Amino acid sequence: MRKTQITIDVELDENHIPELITWNAQDGGIEKEETKATMISVWDDKKMEALRIDLWTKEMPVDQMKMFMHQILVSLGSTYQRATGEDDVAQWIEQIAEEFAVKSAIKM
């Protein structure tokens, strides 16, 4: 069996607010790449619920956070379609993403 690793390092200020987030992905050739935000979800099959870690630095601008959220919504539709084959629901999720883009003023 082959094993790989993805890591996220978070530097916190005195109030435990992220100041610097870096990530590493061995197979992707990524080492200490800075990012301003990350969202991680894992499935707990015992509790039947998603567990999340959402982090962003003080330096993450609101307009970029809106774009980040929009792109996550778009990718959820794509992931849902690949996982379930349900095109109609995937398209509905993409419509939600587009409505979000309009309501959050990142698209007209």
Protein backbone atom coordinates (compact mmCIF):
# COMPACT_ATOMS: atom_id res chain seq x y z
CA MET A 1 0.00 0.00 0.00
CA ARG A 2 1.20 3.49 -0.86
CA LYS A 3 0.83 6.33 1.61
CA THR A 4 0.96 10.09 1.09
CA GLN A 5 0.44 13.10 3.29
CA ILE A 6 -1.18 16.51 3.13
CA THR A 7 -0.49 18.85 6.04
CA ILE A 8 -1.72 22.28 7.09
CA ASP A 9 0.27 24.43 9.49
CA VAL A 10 -1.39 27.33 11.28
CA GLU A 11 0.43 30.10 13.14
CA LEU A 12 -1.82 31.82 15.69
CA ASP A 13 -1.60 35.20 17.36
CA GLU A 14 -1.97 35.71 21.11
CA ASN A 15 -5.77 35.53 20.74
CA HIS A 16 -5.59 32.24 18.82
CA ILE A 17 -6.53 33.94 15.51
CA PRO A 18 -4.73 32.50 12.46
CA GLU A 19 -1.99 34.81 11.20
CA LEU A 20 -0.35 32.44 8.72
CA ILE A 21 -1.61 29.26 7.09
CA THR A 22 0.69 27.09 4.99
CA TRP A 23 0.07 23.71 3.41
CA ASN A 24 2.13 20.87 2.02
CA ALA A 25 1.16 18.14 -0.45
CA GLN A 26 3.93 15.64 -1.12
CA ASP A 27 2.51 14.26 -4.36
CA GLY A 28 1.69 17.71 -5.72
CA GLY A 29 5.14 19.12 -5.12
CA ILE A 30 3.69 21.73 -2.79
CA GLU A 31 5.78 22.77 0.17
CA LYS A 32 4.96 25.55 2.63
CA GLU A 33 2.53 27.19 0.21
CA GLU A 34 0.81 30.13 1.89
CA THR A 35 -2.96 30.46 1.82
CA LYS A 36 -5.37 32.87 3.45
CA ALA A 37 -8.19 30.36 3.98
CA THR A 38 -8.94 26.65 4.17
CA MET A 39 -12.04 24.55 4.64
CA ILE A 40 -11.74 20.88 5.48
CA SER A 41 -14.59 18.42 5.90
CA VAL A 42 -14.38 14.82 7.01
CA TRP A 43 -17.19 12.28 7.36
CA ASP A 44 -17.79 10.64 10.74
CA ASP A 45 -19.65 7.47 9.80
CA LYS A 46 -20.35 6.56 13.42
CA LYS A 47 -22.16 9.83 14.16
CA MET A 48 -23.33 10.18 10.53
CA GLU A 49 -22.22 13.80 10.33
CA ALA A 50 -19.68 16.01 8.62
CA LEU A 51 -16.95 17.47 10.82
CA ARG A 52 -15.41 20.73 9.63
CA ILE A 53 -12.44 22.94 10.15
CA ASP A 54 -12.85 26.43 8.66
CA LEU A 55 -9.89 28.75 9.06
CA TRP A 56 -8.93 32.09 7.55
CA THR A 57 -6.30 34.65 8.39
CA LYS A 58 -6.84 38.24 9.45
CA GLU A 59 -5.50 39.19 6.02
CA MET A 60 -8.27 37.41 4.06
CA PRO A 61 -10.25 40.16 2.29
CA VAL A 62 -14.03 39.85 2.35
CA ASP A 63 -14.27 40.01 -1.46
CA GLN A 64 -11.88 37.06 -1.76
CA MET A 65 -13.81 35.14 0.90
CA LYS A 66 -16.96 35.60 -1.17
CA MET A 67 -15.19 34.26 -4.28
CA PHE A 68 -13.77 31.36 -2.23
CA MET A 69 -17.25 30.44 -0.99
CA HIS A 70 -18.70 30.70 -4.50
CA GLN A 71 -16.05 28.39 -5.94
CA ILE A 72 -16.67 25.89 -3.13
CA LEU A 73 -20.39 25.87 -3.95
CA VAL A 74 -19.63 25.30 -7.66
CA SER A 75 -17.26 22.45 -6.81
CA LEU A 76 -19.88 20.89 -4.50
CA GLY A 77 -22.19 20.53 -7.48
CA SER A 78 -19.48 18.83 -9.50
CA THR A 79 -18.47 16.55 -6.63
CA TYR A 80 -22.10 15.64 -5.97
CA GLN A 81 -22.61 14.70 -9.62
CA ARG A 82 -19.48 12.50 -9.68
CA ALA A 83 -20.44 10.83 -6.38
CA THR A 84 -24.12 10.19 -7.13
CA GLY A 85 -24.66 10.54 -10.87
CA GLU A 86 -27.66 12.77 -10.12
CA ASP A 87 -27.34 15.47 -12.76
CA ASP A 88 -30.53 17.29 -11.78
CA VAL A 89 -29.45 17.82 -8.17
CA ALA A 90 -25.93 18.80 -9.28
CA GLN A 91 -27.39 21.42 -11.62
CA TRP A 92 -29.59 22.72 -8.80
CA ILE A 93 -26.49 23.14 -6.59
CA GLU A 94 -24.79 25.04 -9.43
CA GLN A 95 -27.87 27.31 -9.67
CA ILE A 96 -27.58 27.99 -5.94
CA ALA A 97 -23.92 28.91 -6.50
CA GLU A 98 -24.91 31.36 -9.22
CA GLU A 99 -27.62 32.90 -7.02
CA PHE A 100 -25.04 33.25 -4.26
CA ALA A 101 -22.68 35.01 -6.71
CA VAL A 102 -25.38 37.52 -7.59
CA LYS A 103 -26.58 38.10 -4.01
CA SER A 104 -23.01 38.51 -2.73
CA ALA A 105 -22.26 40.98 -5.55
CA ILE A 106 -19.38 39.03 -7.06
CA LYS A 107 -21.38 38.60 -10.30
CA MET A 108 -24.01 40.79 -11.87
